[in-house]
Amino acid sequence: MSLSVGREPNTMMKVVILTHNYRVVGKVYVKKGTRLTDMVCEARQFIAVAAAQVWERQSGNNLLQAGFINVSRDEIEIILPADEVNCEVSDMGSLGTWLVQQQREADVGHEDISLDLDLD
């Protein structure tokens, strides 16, 4: 039996992060029972993102995939849980294009991802 003293349990949450130039999708650690907003407010200069994928916002080009990156908290314009993305695809610009592409790939069986988008 092992006990971790002084550390609260964390949960991995899949998020979408938008900065001025980049779209980042990955997982962040959030203390159990804490909101994503609280984690961002309590974060230091950088937020650790695991299983990260990074795209250019303007072109939509995939720039990199990494097991771990740090994202500057001050550069984040929008951060939200990936499962909370719920708006018209035509209103989402390059994010909407990416989400539709991910849904199509999942339908073909390339990747197991659930987006629950209303594409009508």
PDB file of N, CA and C in Angstrom:
ATOM      1  N   MET A   1       0.835  -1.180   0.000  1.00  0.00           N
ATOM      2  CA  MET A   1       0.000   0.000   0.000  1.00  0.00           C
ATOM      3  C   MET A   1       0.880   1.243   0.000  1.00  0.00           C
ATOM      4  N   SER A   2       0.570   2.180  -0.883  1.00  0.00           N
ATOM      5  CA  SER A   2       1.359   3.404  -0.924  1.00  0.00           C
ATOM      6  C   SER A   2       0.452   4.603  -0.700  1.00  0.00           C
ATOM      7  N   LEU A   3       0.939   5.565   0.021  1.00  0.00           N
ATOM      8  CA  LEU A   3       0.213   6.787   0.299  1.00  0.00           C
ATOM      9  C   LEU A   3       1.000   7.953  -0.263  1.00  0.00           C
ATOM     10  N   SER A   4       0.306   8.882  -0.897  1.00  0.00           N
ATOM     11  CA  SER A   4       0.975  10.095  -1.341  1.00  0.00           C
ATOM     12  C   SER A   4       0.594  11.206  -0.379  1.00  0.00           C
ATOM     13  N   VAL A   5       1.559  11.696   0.342  1.00  0.00           N
ATOM     14  CA  VAL A   5       1.322  12.703   1.360  1.00  0.00           C
ATOM     15  C   VAL A   5       1.490  14.084   0.745  1.00  0.00           C
ATOM     16  N   GLY A   6       0.514  14.949   0.989  1.00  0.00           N
ATOM     17  CA  GLY A   6       0.624  16.332   0.537  1.00  0.00           C
ATOM     18  C   GLY A   6       0.254  16.559  -0.914  1.00  0.00           C
ATOM     19  N   ARG A   7      -0.183  15.526  -1.609  1.00  0.00           N
ATOM     20  CA  ARG A   7      -0.561  15.696  -3.009  1.00  0.00           C
ATOM     21  C   ARG A   7      -2.023  15.325  -3.181  1.00  0.00           C
ATOM     22  N   GLU A   8      -2.742  16.168  -3.900  1.00  0.00           N
ATOM     23  CA  GLU A   8      -4.137  15.887  -4.178  1.00  0.00           C
ATOM     24  C   GLU A   8      -4.224  15.086  -5.473  1.00  0.00           C
ATOM     25  N   PRO A   9      -5.221  14.194  -5.587  1.00  0.00           N
ATOM     26  CA  PRO A   9      -5.357  13.420  -6.818  1.00  0.00           C
ATOM     27  C   PRO A   9      -5.703  14.323  -8.003  1.00  0.00           C
ATOM     28  N   ASN A  10      -5.151  13.992  -9.154  1.00  0.00           N
ATOM     29  CA  ASN A  10      -5.397  14.755 -10.376  1.00  0.00           C
ATOM     30  C   ASN A  10      -6.177  13.925 -11.378  1.00  0.00           C
ATOM     31  N   THR A  11      -6.847  14.617 -12.266  1.00  0.00           N
ATOM     32  CA  THR A  11      -7.586  13.995 -13.346  1.00  0.00           C
ATOM     33  C   THR A  11      -7.083  14.586 -14.657  1.00  0.00           C
ATOM     34  N   MET A  12      -6.956  13.753 -15.678  1.00  0.00           N
ATOM     35  CA  MET A  12      -6.585  14.256 -17.004  1.00  0.00           C
ATOM     36  C   MET A  12      -7.850  14.705 -17.716  1.00  0.00           C
ATOM     37  N   MET A  13      -7.825  15.907 -18.282  1.00  0.00           N
ATOM     38  CA  MET A  13      -8.961  16.446 -19.016  1.00  0.00           C
ATOM     39  C   MET A  13      -8.499  16.813 -20.424  1.00  0.00           C
ATOM     40  N   LYS A  14      -9.202  16.311 -21.449  1.00  0.00           N
ATOM     41  CA  LYS A  14      -8.871  16.665 -22.826  1.00  0.00           C
ATOM     42  C   LYS A  14      -9.400  18.072 -23.093  1.00  0.00           C
ATOM     43  N   VAL A  15      -8.525  18.927 -23.630  1.00  0.00           N
ATOM     44  CA  VAL A  15      -8.875  20.329 -23.845  1.00  0.00           C
ATOM     45  C   VAL A  15      -8.506  20.786 -25.255  1.00  0.00           C
ATOM     46  N   VAL A  16      -9.148  21.874 -25.663  1.00  0.00           N
ATOM     47  CA  VAL A  16      -8.784  22.611 -26.862  1.00  0.00           C
ATOM     48  C   VAL A  16      -8.303  23.971 -26.385  1.00  0.00           C
ATOM     49  N   ILE A  17      -7.108  24.349 -26.812  1.00  0.00           N
ATOM     50  CA  ILE A  17      -6.518  25.636 -26.436  1.00  0.00           C
ATOM     51  C   ILE A  17      -6.280  26.436 -27.716  1.00  0.00           C
ATOM     52  N   LEU A  18      -6.745  27.678 -27.729  1.00  0.00           N
ATOM     53  CA  LEU A  18      -6.484  28.566 -28.850  1.00  0.00           C
ATOM     54  C   LEU A  18      -5.615  29.716 -28.371  1.00  0.00           C
ATOM     55  N   THR A  19      -4.506  29.926 -29.081  1.00  0.00           N
ATOM     56  CA  THR A  19      -3.685  31.114 -28.877  1.00  0.00           C
ATOM     57  C   THR A  19      -3.855  31.947 -30.135  1.00  0.00           C
ATOM     58  N   HIS A  20      -3.156  33.054 -30.218  1.00  0.00           N
ATOM     59  CA  HIS A  20      -3.283  33.894 -31.412  1.00  0.00           C
ATOM     60  C   HIS A  20      -2.889  33.130 -32.677  1.00  0.00           C
ATOM     61  N   ASN A  21      -1.847  32.308 -32.591  1.00  0.00           N
ATOM     62  CA  ASN A  21      -1.320  31.630 -33.777  1.00  0.00           C
ATOM     63  C   ASN A  21      -1.585  30.132 -33.842  1.00  0.00           C
ATOM     64  N   TYR A  22      -1.918  29.510 -32.718  1.00  0.00           N
ATOM     65  CA  TYR A  22      -1.963  28.047 -32.682  1.00  0.00           C
ATOM     66  C   TYR A  22      -3.252  27.503 -32.081  1.00  0.00           C
ATOM     67  N   ARG A  23      -3.573  26.281 -32.487  1.00  0.00           N
ATOM     68  CA  ARG A  23      -4.637  25.487 -31.873  1.00  0.00           C
ATOM     69  C   ARG A  23      -3.952  24.264 -31.283  1.00  0.00           C
ATOM     70  N   VAL A  24      -4.135  24.043 -30.000  1.00  0.00           N
ATOM     71  CA  VAL A  24      -3.515  22.930 -29.299  1.00  0.00           C
ATOM     72  C   VAL A  24      -4.626  22.044 -28.755  1.00  0.00           C
ATOM     73  N   VAL A  25      -4.520  20.749 -29.014  1.00  0.00           N
ATOM     74  CA  VAL A  25      -5.443  19.778 -28.439  1.00  0.00           C
ATOM     75  C   VAL A  25      -4.600  18.792 -27.659  1.00  0.00           C
ATOM     76  N   GLY A  26      -4.987  18.554 -26.421  1.00  0.00           N
ATOM     77  CA  GLY A  26      -4.229  17.631 -25.591  1.00  0.00           C
ATOM     78  C   GLY A  26      -4.918  17.452 -24.257  1.00  0.00           C
ATOM     79  N   LYS A  27      -4.172  16.929 -23.291  1.00  0.00           N
ATOM     80  CA  LYS A  27      -4.718  16.660 -21.965  1.00  0.00           C
ATOM     81  C   LYS A  27      -3.951  17.446 -20.917  1.00  0.00           C
ATOM     82  N   VAL A  28      -4.701  18.026 -19.982  1.00  0.00           N
ATOM     83  CA  VAL A  28      -4.090  18.763 -18.874  1.00  0.00           C
ATOM     84  C   VAL A  28      -4.514  18.121 -17.560  1.00  0.00           C
ATOM     85  N   TYR A  29      -3.679  18.279 -16.550  1.00  0.00           N
ATOM     86  CA  TYR A  29      -4.007  17.789 -15.215  1.00  0.00           C
ATOM     87  C   TYR A  29      -4.867  18.820 -14.502  1.00  0.00           C
ATOM     88  N   VAL A  30      -5.977  18.354 -13.931  1.00  0.00           N
ATOM     89  CA  VAL A  30      -6.850  19.211 -13.137  1.00  0.00           C
ATOM     90  C   VAL A  30      -7.075  18.484 -11.812  1.00  0.00           C
ATOM     91  N   LYS A  31      -6.928  19.198 -10.704  1.00  0.00           N
ATOM     92  CA  LYS A  31      -7.178  18.581  -9.403  1.00  0.00           C
ATOM     93  C   LYS A  31      -8.599  18.043  -9.365  1.00  0.00           C
ATOM     94  N   LYS A  32      -8.751  16.872  -8.815  1.00  0.00           N
ATOM     95  CA  LYS A  32     -10.065  16.239  -8.732  1.00  0.00           C
ATOM     96  C   LYS A  32     -11.038  17.175  -8.010  1.00  0.00           C
ATOM     97  N   GLY A  33     -12.202  17.388  -8.623  1.00  0.00           N
ATOM     98  CA  GLY A  33     -13.217  18.258  -8.038  1.00  0.00           C
ATOM     99  C   GLY A  33     -13.014  19.729  -8.324  1.00  0.00           C
ATOM    100  N   THR A  34     -12.011  20.069  -9.160  1.00  0.00           N
ATOM    101  CA  THR A  34     -11.711  21.461  -9.481  1.00  0.00           C
ATOM    102  C   THR A  34     -12.105  21.751 -10.928  1.00  0.00           C
ATOM    103  N   ARG A  35     -12.497  22.972 -11.188  1.00  0.00           N
ATOM    104  CA  ARG A  35     -12.859  23.384 -12.548  1.00  0.00           C
ATOM    105  C   ARG A  35     -11.604  23.707 -13.367  1.00  0.00           C
ATOM    106  N   LEU A  36     -11.739  23.604 -14.681  1.00  0.00           N
ATOM    107  CA  LEU A  36     -10.648  23.970 -15.580  1.00  0.00           C
ATOM    108  C   LEU A  36     -10.246  25.422 -15.346  1.00  0.00           C
ATOM    109  N   THR A  37     -11.218  26.296 -15.151  1.00  0.00           N
ATOM    110  CA  THR A  37     -10.951  27.711 -14.897  1.00  0.00           C
ATOM    111  C   THR A  37     -10.064  27.890 -13.670  1.00  0.00           C
ATOM    112  N   ASP A  38     -10.342  27.129 -12.610  1.00  0.00           N
ATOM    113  CA  ASP A  38      -9.531  27.221 -11.399  1.00  0.00           C
ATOM    114  C   ASP A  38      -8.095  26.800 -11.671  1.00  0.00           C
ATOM    115  N   MET A  39      -7.920  25.727 -12.462  1.00  0.00           N
ATOM    116  CA  MET A  39      -6.568  25.258 -12.791  1.00  0.00           C
ATOM    117  C   MET A  39      -5.800  26.348 -13.538  1.00  0.00           C
ATOM    118  N   VAL A  40      -6.451  26.991 -14.506  1.00  0.00           N
ATOM    119  CA  VAL A  40      -5.779  28.029 -15.286  1.00  0.00           C
ATOM    120  C   VAL A  40      -5.396  29.210 -14.385  1.00  0.00           C
ATOM    121  N   CYS A  41      -6.304  29.620 -13.522  1.00  0.00           N
ATOM    122  CA  CYS A  41      -6.030  30.752 -12.621  1.00  0.00           C
ATOM    123  C   CYS A  41      -4.895  30.452 -11.648  1.00  0.00           C
ATOM    124  N   GLU A  42      -4.774  29.192 -11.224  1.00  0.00           N
ATOM    125  CA  GLU A  42      -3.740  28.810 -10.266  1.00  0.00           C
ATOM    126  C   GLU A  42      -2.414  28.443 -10.921  1.00  0.00           C
ATOM    127  N   ALA A  43      -2.413  28.289 -12.245  1.00  0.00           N
ATOM    128  CA  ALA A  43      -1.202  27.865 -12.950  1.00  0.00           C
ATOM    129  C   ALA A  43      -0.120  28.945 -12.873  1.00  0.00           C
ATOM    130  N   ARG A  44       1.104  28.481 -12.970  1.00  0.00           N
ATOM    131  CA  ARG A  44       2.222  29.416 -13.040  1.00  0.00           C
ATOM    132  C   ARG A  44       2.331  29.925 -14.473  1.00  0.00           C
ATOM    133  N   GLN A  45       3.529  30.204 -14.932  1.00  0.00           N
ATOM    134  CA  GLN A  45       3.722  30.809 -16.249  1.00  0.00           C
ATOM    135  C   GLN A  45       3.339  29.880 -17.391  1.00  0.00           C
ATOM    136  N   PHE A  46       3.506  28.567 -17.216  1.00  0.00           N
ATOM    137  CA  PHE A  46       3.207  27.616 -18.280  1.00  0.00           C
ATOM    138  C   PHE A  46       2.232  26.555 -17.795  1.00  0.00           C
ATOM    139  N   ILE A  47       1.416  26.047 -18.727  1.00  0.00           N
ATOM    140  CA  ILE A  47       0.493  24.955 -18.458  1.00  0.00           C
ATOM    141  C   ILE A  47       0.990  23.743 -19.220  1.00  0.00           C
ATOM    142  N   ALA A  48       1.171  22.642 -18.505  1.00  0.00           N
ATOM    143  CA  ALA A  48       1.641  21.398 -19.116  1.00  0.00           C
ATOM    144  C   ALA A  48       0.491  20.744 -19.884  1.00  0.00           C
ATOM    145  N   VAL A  49       0.759  20.369 -21.138  1.00  0.00           N
ATOM    146  CA  VAL A  49      -0.228  19.693 -21.975  1.00  0.00           C
ATOM    147  C   VAL A  49       0.389  18.381 -22.440  1.00  0.00           C
ATOM    148  N   ALA A  50      -0.257  17.265 -22.092  1.00  0.00           N
ATOM    149  CA  ALA A  50       0.210  15.936 -22.494  1.00  0.00           C
ATOM    150  C   ALA A  50      -0.524  15.499 -23.751  1.00  0.00           C
ATOM    151  N   ALA A  51       0.074  14.560 -24.489  1.00  0.00           N
ATOM    152  CA  ALA A  51      -0.507  14.032 -25.728  1.00  0.00           C
ATOM    153  C   ALA A  51      -0.954  15.185 -26.619  1.00  0.00           C
ATOM    154  N   ALA A  52      -0.051  16.133 -26.823  1.00  0.00           N
ATOM    155  CA  ALA A  52      -0.383  17.386 -27.501  1.00  0.00           C
ATOM    156  C   ALA A  52      -0.272  17.284 -29.017  1.00  0.00           C
ATOM    157  N   GLN A  53      -1.213  17.935 -29.677  1.00  0.00           N
ATOM    158  CA  GLN A  53      -1.179  18.129 -31.125  1.00  0.00           C
ATOM    159  C   GLN A  53      -1.329  19.626 -31.364  1.00  0.00           C
ATOM    160  N   VAL A  54      -0.504  20.176 -32.256  1.00  0.00           N
ATOM    161  CA  VAL A  54      -0.490  21.618 -32.494  1.00  0.00           C
ATOM    162  C   VAL A  54      -0.697  21.900 -33.973  1.00  0.00           C
ATOM    163  N   TRP A  55      -1.625  22.832 -34.266  1.00  0.00           N
ATOM    164  CA  TRP A  55      -1.910  23.272 -35.632  1.00  0.00           C
ATOM    165  C   TRP A  55      -1.749  24.780 -35.702  1.00  0.00           C
ATOM    166  N   GLU A  56      -1.395  25.277 -36.893  1.00  0.00           N
ATOM    167  CA  GLU A  56      -1.439  26.705 -37.168  1.00  0.00           C
ATOM    168  C   GLU A  56      -2.898  27.082 -37.317  1.00  0.00           C
ATOM    169  N   ARG A  57      -3.317  28.165 -36.685  1.00  0.00           N
ATOM    170  CA  ARG A  57      -4.735  28.543 -36.767  1.00  0.00           C
ATOM    171  C   ARG A  57      -5.125  29.032 -38.155  1.00  0.00           C
ATOM    172  N   GLN A  58      -4.274  29.813 -38.792  1.00  0.00           N
ATOM    173  CA  GLN A  58      -4.633  30.384 -40.083  1.00  0.00           C
ATOM    174  C   GLN A  58      -4.692  29.336 -41.187  1.00  0.00           C
ATOM    175  N   SER A  59      -3.662  28.521 -41.297  1.00  0.00           N
ATOM    176  CA  SER A  59      -3.570  27.556 -42.397  1.00  0.00           C
ATOM    177  C   SER A  59      -4.195  26.212 -42.061  1.00  0.00           C
ATOM    178  N   GLY A  60      -4.267  25.894 -40.767  1.00  0.00           N
ATOM    179  CA  GLY A  60      -4.753  24.581 -40.360  1.00  0.00           C
ATOM    180  C   GLY A  60      -3.702  23.490 -40.474  1.00  0.00           C
ATOM    181  N   ASN A  61      -2.463  23.855 -40.835  1.00  0.00           N
ATOM    182  CA  ASN A  61      -1.386  22.872 -40.966  1.00  0.00           C
ATOM    183  C   ASN A  61      -1.015  22.282 -39.613  1.00  0.00           C
ATOM    184  N   ASN A  62      -0.890  20.954 -39.572  1.00  0.00           N
ATOM    185  CA  ASN A  62      -0.452  20.280 -38.365  1.00  0.00           C
ATOM    186  C   ASN A  62       1.040  20.501 -38.226  1.00  0.00           C
ATOM    187  N   LEU A  63       1.453  21.134 -37.137  1.00  0.00           N
ATOM    188  CA  LEU A  63       2.862  21.463 -36.941  1.00  0.00           C
ATOM    189  C   LEU A  63       3.611  20.382 -36.185  1.00  0.00           C
ATOM    190  N   LEU A  64       2.992  19.826 -35.147  1.00  0.00           N
ATOM    191  CA  LEU A  64       3.702  18.820 -34.367  1.00  0.00           C
ATOM    192  C   LEU A  64       2.752  18.040 -33.480  1.00  0.00           C
ATOM    193  N   GLN A  65       3.251  16.889 -33.076  1.00  0.00           N
ATOM    194  CA  GLN A  65       2.610  16.059 -32.068  1.00  0.00           C
ATOM    195  C   GLN A  65       3.702  15.700 -31.069  1.00  0.00           C
ATOM    196  N   ALA A  66       3.372  15.799 -29.799  1.00  0.00           N
ATOM    197  CA  ALA A  66       4.376  15.507 -28.776  1.00  0.00           C
ATOM    198  C   ALA A  66       3.698  14.904 -27.558  1.00  0.00           C
ATOM    199  N   GLY A  67       4.450  14.106 -26.840  1.00  0.00           N
ATOM    200  CA  GLY A  67       3.930  13.524 -25.618  1.00  0.00           C
ATOM    201  C   GLY A  67       3.688  14.569 -24.543  1.00  0.00           C
ATOM    202  N   PHE A  68       4.394  15.716 -24.662  1.00  0.00           N
ATOM    203  CA  PHE A  68       4.299  16.756 -23.645  1.00  0.00           C
ATOM    204  C   PHE A  68       4.798  18.071 -24.213  1.00  0.00           C
ATOM    205  N   ILE A  69       4.059  19.148 -23.967  1.00  0.00           N
ATOM    206  CA  ILE A  69       4.534  20.502 -24.262  1.00  0.00           C
ATOM    207  C   ILE A  69       4.084  21.425 -23.137  1.00  0.00           C
ATOM    208  N   ASN A  70       4.702  22.571 -23.044  1.00  0.00           N
ATOM    209  CA  ASN A  70       4.257  23.638 -22.149  1.00  0.00           C
ATOM    210  C   ASN A  70       3.646  24.737 -23.000  1.00  0.00           C
ATOM    211  N   VAL A  71       2.505  25.269 -22.570  1.00  0.00           N
ATOM    212  CA  VAL A  71       1.848  26.374 -23.260  1.00  0.00           C
ATOM    213  C   VAL A  71       1.862  27.575 -22.318  1.00  0.00           C
ATOM    214  N   SER A  72       2.302  28.707 -22.822  1.00  0.00           N
ATOM    215  CA  SER A  72       2.352  29.923 -22.016  1.00  0.00           C
ATOM    216  C   SER A  72       0.934  30.340 -21.620  1.00  0.00           C
ATOM    217  N   ARG A  73       0.701  30.441 -20.339  1.00  0.00           N
ATOM    218  CA  ARG A  73      -0.624  30.822 -19.850  1.00  0.00           C
ATOM    219  C   ARG A  73      -1.041  32.187 -20.381  1.00  0.00           C
ATOM    220  N   ASP A  74      -0.095  33.110 -20.514  1.00  0.00           N
ATOM    221  CA  ASP A  74      -0.412  34.459 -20.970  1.00  0.00           C
ATOM    222  C   ASP A  74      -0.801  34.513 -22.444  1.00  0.00           C
ATOM    223  N   GLU A  75      -0.438  33.499 -23.219  1.00  0.00           N
ATOM    224  CA  GLU A  75      -0.754  33.476 -24.651  1.00  0.00           C
ATOM    225  C   GLU A  75      -2.108  32.826 -24.944  1.00  0.00           C
ATOM    226  N   ILE A  76      -2.726  32.191 -23.947  1.00  0.00           N
ATOM    227  CA  ILE A  76      -3.993  31.492 -24.166  1.00  0.00           C
ATOM    228  C   ILE A  76      -5.120  32.502 -24.318  1.00  0.00           C
ATOM    229  N   GLU A  77      -5.841  32.408 -25.442  1.00  0.00           N
ATOM    230  CA  GLU A  77      -7.016  33.242 -25.668  1.00  0.00           C
ATOM    231  C   GLU A  77      -8.280  32.503 -25.254  1.00  0.00           C
ATOM    232  N   ILE A  78      -8.332  31.203 -25.563  1.00  0.00           N
ATOM    233  CA  ILE A  78      -9.489  30.370 -25.229  1.00  0.00           C
ATOM    234  C   ILE A  78      -8.983  29.007 -24.801  1.00  0.00           C
ATOM    235  N   ILE A  79      -9.562  28.464 -23.737  1.00  0.00           N
ATOM    236  CA  ILE A  79      -9.316  27.085 -23.341  1.00  0.00           C
ATOM    237  C   ILE A  79     -10.658  26.502 -22.911  1.00  0.00           C
ATOM    238  N   LEU A  80     -10.954  25.311 -23.391  1.00  0.00           N
ATOM    239  CA  LEU A  80     -12.204  24.668 -23.024  1.00  0.00           C
ATOM    240  C   LEU A  80     -12.054  23.165 -23.094  1.00  0.00           C
ATOM    241  N   PRO A  81     -12.873  22.454 -22.310  1.00  0.00           N
ATOM    242  CA  PRO A  81     -12.849  21.000 -22.420  1.00  0.00           C
ATOM    243  C   PRO A  81     -13.265  20.587 -23.824  1.00  0.00           C
ATOM    244  N   ALA A  82     -12.559  19.635 -24.404  1.00  0.00           N
ATOM    245  CA  ALA A  82     -12.850  19.212 -25.774  1.00  0.00           C
ATOM    246  C   ALA A  82     -14.277  18.693 -25.909  1.00  0.00           C
ATOM    247  N   ASP A  83     -14.802  18.073 -24.857  1.00  0.00           N
ATOM    248  CA  ASP A  83     -16.156  17.542 -24.952  1.00  0.00           C
ATOM    249  C   ASP A  83     -17.227  18.611 -24.815  1.00  0.00           C
ATOM    250  N   GLU A  84     -16.838  19.864 -24.574  1.00  0.00           N
ATOM    251  CA  GLU A  84     -17.789  20.971 -24.472  1.00  0.00           C
ATOM    252  C   GLU A  84     -17.945  21.740 -25.781  1.00  0.00           C
ATOM    253  N   VAL A  85     -17.203  21.370 -26.822  1.00  0.00           N
ATOM    254  CA  VAL A  85     -17.310  22.068 -28.099  1.00  0.00           C
ATOM    255  C   VAL A  85     -18.680  21.749 -28.671  1.00  0.00           C
ATOM    256  N   ASN A  86     -19.536  22.772 -28.713  1.00  0.00           N
ATOM    257  CA  ASN A  86     -20.908  22.573 -29.165  1.00  0.00           C
ATOM    258  C   ASN A  86     -21.399  23.857 -29.816  1.00  0.00           C
ATOM    259  N   CYS A  87     -21.097  24.031 -31.096  1.00  0.00           N
ATOM    260  CA  CYS A  87     -21.590  25.180 -31.834  1.00  0.00           C
ATOM    261  C   CYS A  87     -21.636  24.807 -33.307  1.00  0.00           C
ATOM    262  N   GLU A  88     -22.189  25.679 -34.115  1.00  0.00           N
ATOM    263  CA  GLU A  88     -22.294  25.413 -35.541  1.00  0.00           C
ATOM    264  C   GLU A  88     -20.899  25.350 -36.159  1.00  0.00           C
ATOM    265  N   VAL A  89     -20.665  24.340 -36.965  1.00  0.00           N
ATOM    266  CA  VAL A  89     -19.354  24.149 -37.589  1.00  0.00           C
ATOM    267  C   VAL A  89     -18.970  25.354 -38.428  1.00  0.00           C
ATOM    268  N   SER A  90     -19.917  25.942 -39.140  1.00  0.00           N
ATOM    269  CA  SER A  90     -19.607  27.093 -40.007  1.00  0.00           C
ATOM    270  C   SER A  90     -19.157  28.304 -39.200  1.00  0.00           C
ATOM    271  N   ASP A  91     -19.477  28.344 -37.902  1.00  0.00           N
ATOM    272  CA  ASP A  91     -19.090  29.466 -37.051  1.00  0.00           C
ATOM    273  C   ASP A  91     -17.726  29.269 -36.397  1.00  0.00           C
ATOM    274  N   MET A  92     -17.105  28.104 -36.587  1.00  0.00           N
ATOM    275  CA  MET A  92     -15.878  27.798 -35.857  1.00  0.00           C
ATOM    276  C   MET A  92     -14.610  28.004 -36.676  1.00  0.00           C
ATOM    277  N   GLY A  93     -14.694  28.399 -37.929  1.00  0.00           N
ATOM    278  CA  GLY A  93     -13.504  28.633 -38.738  1.00  0.00           C
ATOM    279  C   GLY A  93     -12.631  27.404 -38.833  1.00  0.00           C
ATOM    280  N   SER A  94     -11.310  27.578 -38.662  1.00  0.00           N
ATOM    281  CA  SER A  94     -10.395  26.459 -38.813  1.00  0.00           C
ATOM    282  C   SER A  94     -10.608  25.403 -37.727  1.00  0.00           C
ATOM    283  N   LEU A  95     -11.116  25.788 -36.557  1.00  0.00           N
ATOM    284  CA  LEU A  95     -11.419  24.802 -35.523  1.00  0.00           C
ATOM    285  C   LEU A  95     -12.541  23.891 -35.999  1.00  0.00           C
ATOM    286  N   GLY A  96     -13.550  24.468 -36.636  1.00  0.00           N
ATOM    287  CA  GLY A  96     -14.646  23.665 -37.172  1.00  0.00           C
ATOM    288  C   GLY A  96     -14.169  22.721 -38.253  1.00  0.00           C
ATOM    289  N   THR A  97     -13.295  23.196 -39.124  1.00  0.00           N
ATOM    290  CA  THR A  97     -12.731  22.344 -40.165  1.00  0.00           C
ATOM    291  C   THR A  97     -11.986  21.174 -39.554  1.00  0.00           C
ATOM    292  N   TRP A  98     -11.209  21.443 -38.530  1.00  0.00           N
ATOM    293  CA  TRP A  98     -10.465  20.376 -37.852  1.00  0.00           C
ATOM    294  C   TRP A  98     -11.418  19.376 -37.207  1.00  0.00           C
ATOM    295  N   LEU A  99     -12.460  19.854 -36.527  1.00  0.00           N
ATOM    296  CA  LEU A  99     -13.397  18.962 -35.861  1.00  0.00           C
ATOM    297  C   LEU A  99     -14.120  18.063 -36.855  1.00  0.00           C
ATOM    298  N   VAL A 100     -14.529  18.630 -37.991  1.00  0.00           N
ATOM    299  CA  VAL A 100     -15.189  17.823 -39.020  1.00  0.00           C
ATOM    300  C   VAL A 100     -14.233  16.767 -39.550  1.00  0.00           C
ATOM    301  N   GLN A 101     -12.988  17.139 -39.782  1.00  0.00           N
ATOM    302  CA  GLN A 101     -11.990  16.187 -40.260  1.00  0.00           C
ATOM    303  C   GLN A 101     -11.791  15.063 -39.243  1.00  0.00           C
ATOM    304  N   GLN A 102     -11.725  15.391 -37.966  1.00  0.00           N
ATOM    305  CA  GLN A 102     -11.556  14.381 -36.927  1.00  0.00           C
ATOM    306  C   GLN A 102     -12.753  13.436 -36.892  1.00  0.00           C
ATOM    307  N   GLN A 103     -13.959  13.981 -37.044  1.00  0.00           N
ATOM    308  CA  GLN A 103     -15.153  13.150 -37.041  1.00  0.00           C
ATOM    309  C   GLN A 103     -15.152  12.204 -38.242  1.00  0.00           C
ATOM    310  N   ARG A 104     -14.766  12.700 -39.403  1.00  0.00           N
ATOM    311  CA  ARG A 104     -14.715  11.845 -40.598  1.00  0.00           C
ATOM    312  C   ARG A 104     -13.698  10.735 -40.434  1.00  0.00           C
ATOM    313  N   GLU A 105     -12.529  11.053 -39.894  1.00  0.00           N
ATOM    314  CA  GLU A 105     -11.511  10.030 -39.671  1.00  0.00           C
ATOM    315  C   GLU A 105     -12.001   8.993 -38.673  1.00  0.00           C
ATOM    316  N   ALA A 106     -12.712   9.428 -37.656  1.00  0.00           N
ATOM    317  CA  ALA A 106     -13.255   8.490 -36.673  1.00  0.00           C
ATOM    318  C   ALA A 106     -14.292   7.580 -37.327  1.00  0.00           C
ATOM    319  N   ASP A 107     -15.088   8.135 -38.225  1.00  0.00           N
ATOM    320  CA  ASP A 107     -16.098   7.343 -38.925  1.00  0.00           C
ATOM    321  C   ASP A 107     -15.459   6.277 -39.805  1.00  0.00           C
ATOM    322  N   VAL A 108     -14.289   6.596 -40.367  1.00  0.00           N
ATOM    323  CA  VAL A 108     -13.587   5.650 -41.219  1.00  0.00           C
ATOM    324  C   VAL A 108     -12.847   4.616 -40.376  1.00  0.00           C
ATOM    325  N   GLY A 109     -12.653   4.921 -39.108  1.00  0.00           N
ATOM    326  CA  GLY A 109     -12.002   3.976 -38.208  1.00  0.00           C
ATOM    327  C   GLY A 109     -10.530   4.242 -37.983  1.00  0.00           C
ATOM    328  N   HIS A 110     -10.043   5.422 -38.415  1.00  0.00           N
ATOM    329  CA  HIS A 110      -8.630   5.752 -38.214  1.00  0.00           C
ATOM    330  C   HIS A 110      -8.312   6.058 -36.765  1.00  0.00           C
ATOM    331  N   GLU A 111      -9.257   6.645 -36.058  1.00  0.00           N
ATOM    332  CA  GLU A 111      -8.992   7.075 -34.692  1.00  0.00           C
ATOM    333  C   GLU A 111     -10.289   7.002 -33.915  1.00  0.00           C
ATOM    334  N   ASP A 112     -10.190   6.631 -32.662  1.00  0.00           N
ATOM    335  CA  ASP A 112     -11.363   6.553 -31.796  1.00  0.00           C
ATOM    336  C   ASP A 112     -11.553   7.890 -31.090  1.00  0.00           C
ATOM    337  N   ILE A 113     -12.476   8.721 -31.613  1.00  0.00           N
ATOM    338  CA  ILE A 113     -12.714  10.044 -31.039  1.00  0.00           C
ATOM    339  C   ILE A 113     -14.211  10.325 -31.091  1.00  0.00           C
ATOM    340  N   SER A 114     -14.747  10.922 -30.057  1.00  0.00           N
ATOM    341  CA  SER A 114     -16.160  11.228 -29.988  1.00  0.00           C
ATOM    342  C   SER A 114     -16.331  12.732 -29.869  1.00  0.00           C
ATOM    343  N   LEU A 115     -17.062  13.332 -30.820  1.00  0.00           N
ATOM    344  CA  LEU A 115     -17.196  14.789 -30.810  1.00  0.00           C
ATOM    345  C   LEU A 115     -18.637  15.255 -30.641  1.00  0.00           C
ATOM    346  N   ASP A 116     -19.637  14.426 -30.888  1.00  0.00           N
ATOM    347  CA  ASP A 116     -21.046  14.757 -30.705  1.00  0.00           C
ATOM    348  C   ASP A 116     -21.400  16.108 -31.337  1.00  0.00           C
ATOM    349  N   LEU A 117     -21.083  16.290 -32.607  1.00  0.00           N
ATOM    350  CA  LEU A 117     -21.397  17.531 -33.295  1.00  0.00           C
ATOM    351  C   LEU A 117     -22.678  17.386 -34.114  1.00  0.00           C
ATOM    352  N   ASP A 118     -23.473  18.434 -34.156  1.00  0.00           N
ATOM    353  CA  ASP A 118     -24.648  18.469 -34.997  1.00  0.00           C
ATOM    354  C   ASP A 118     -24.226  19.103 -36.320  1.00  0.00           C
ATOM    355  N   LEU A 119     -24.023  18.290 -37.344  1.00  0.00           N
ATOM    356  CA  LEU A 119     -23.476  18.783 -38.615  1.00  0.00           C
ATOM    357  C   LEU A 119     -24.560  19.086 -39.634  1.00  0.00           C
ATOM    358  N   ASP A 120     -25.809  19.114 -39.245  1.00  0.00           N
ATOM    359  CA  ASP A 120     -26.909  19.404 -40.197  1.00  0.00           C
ATOM    360  C   ASP A 120     -26.963  20.847 -40.567  1.00  0.00           C
TER     361      ASP A 120
END
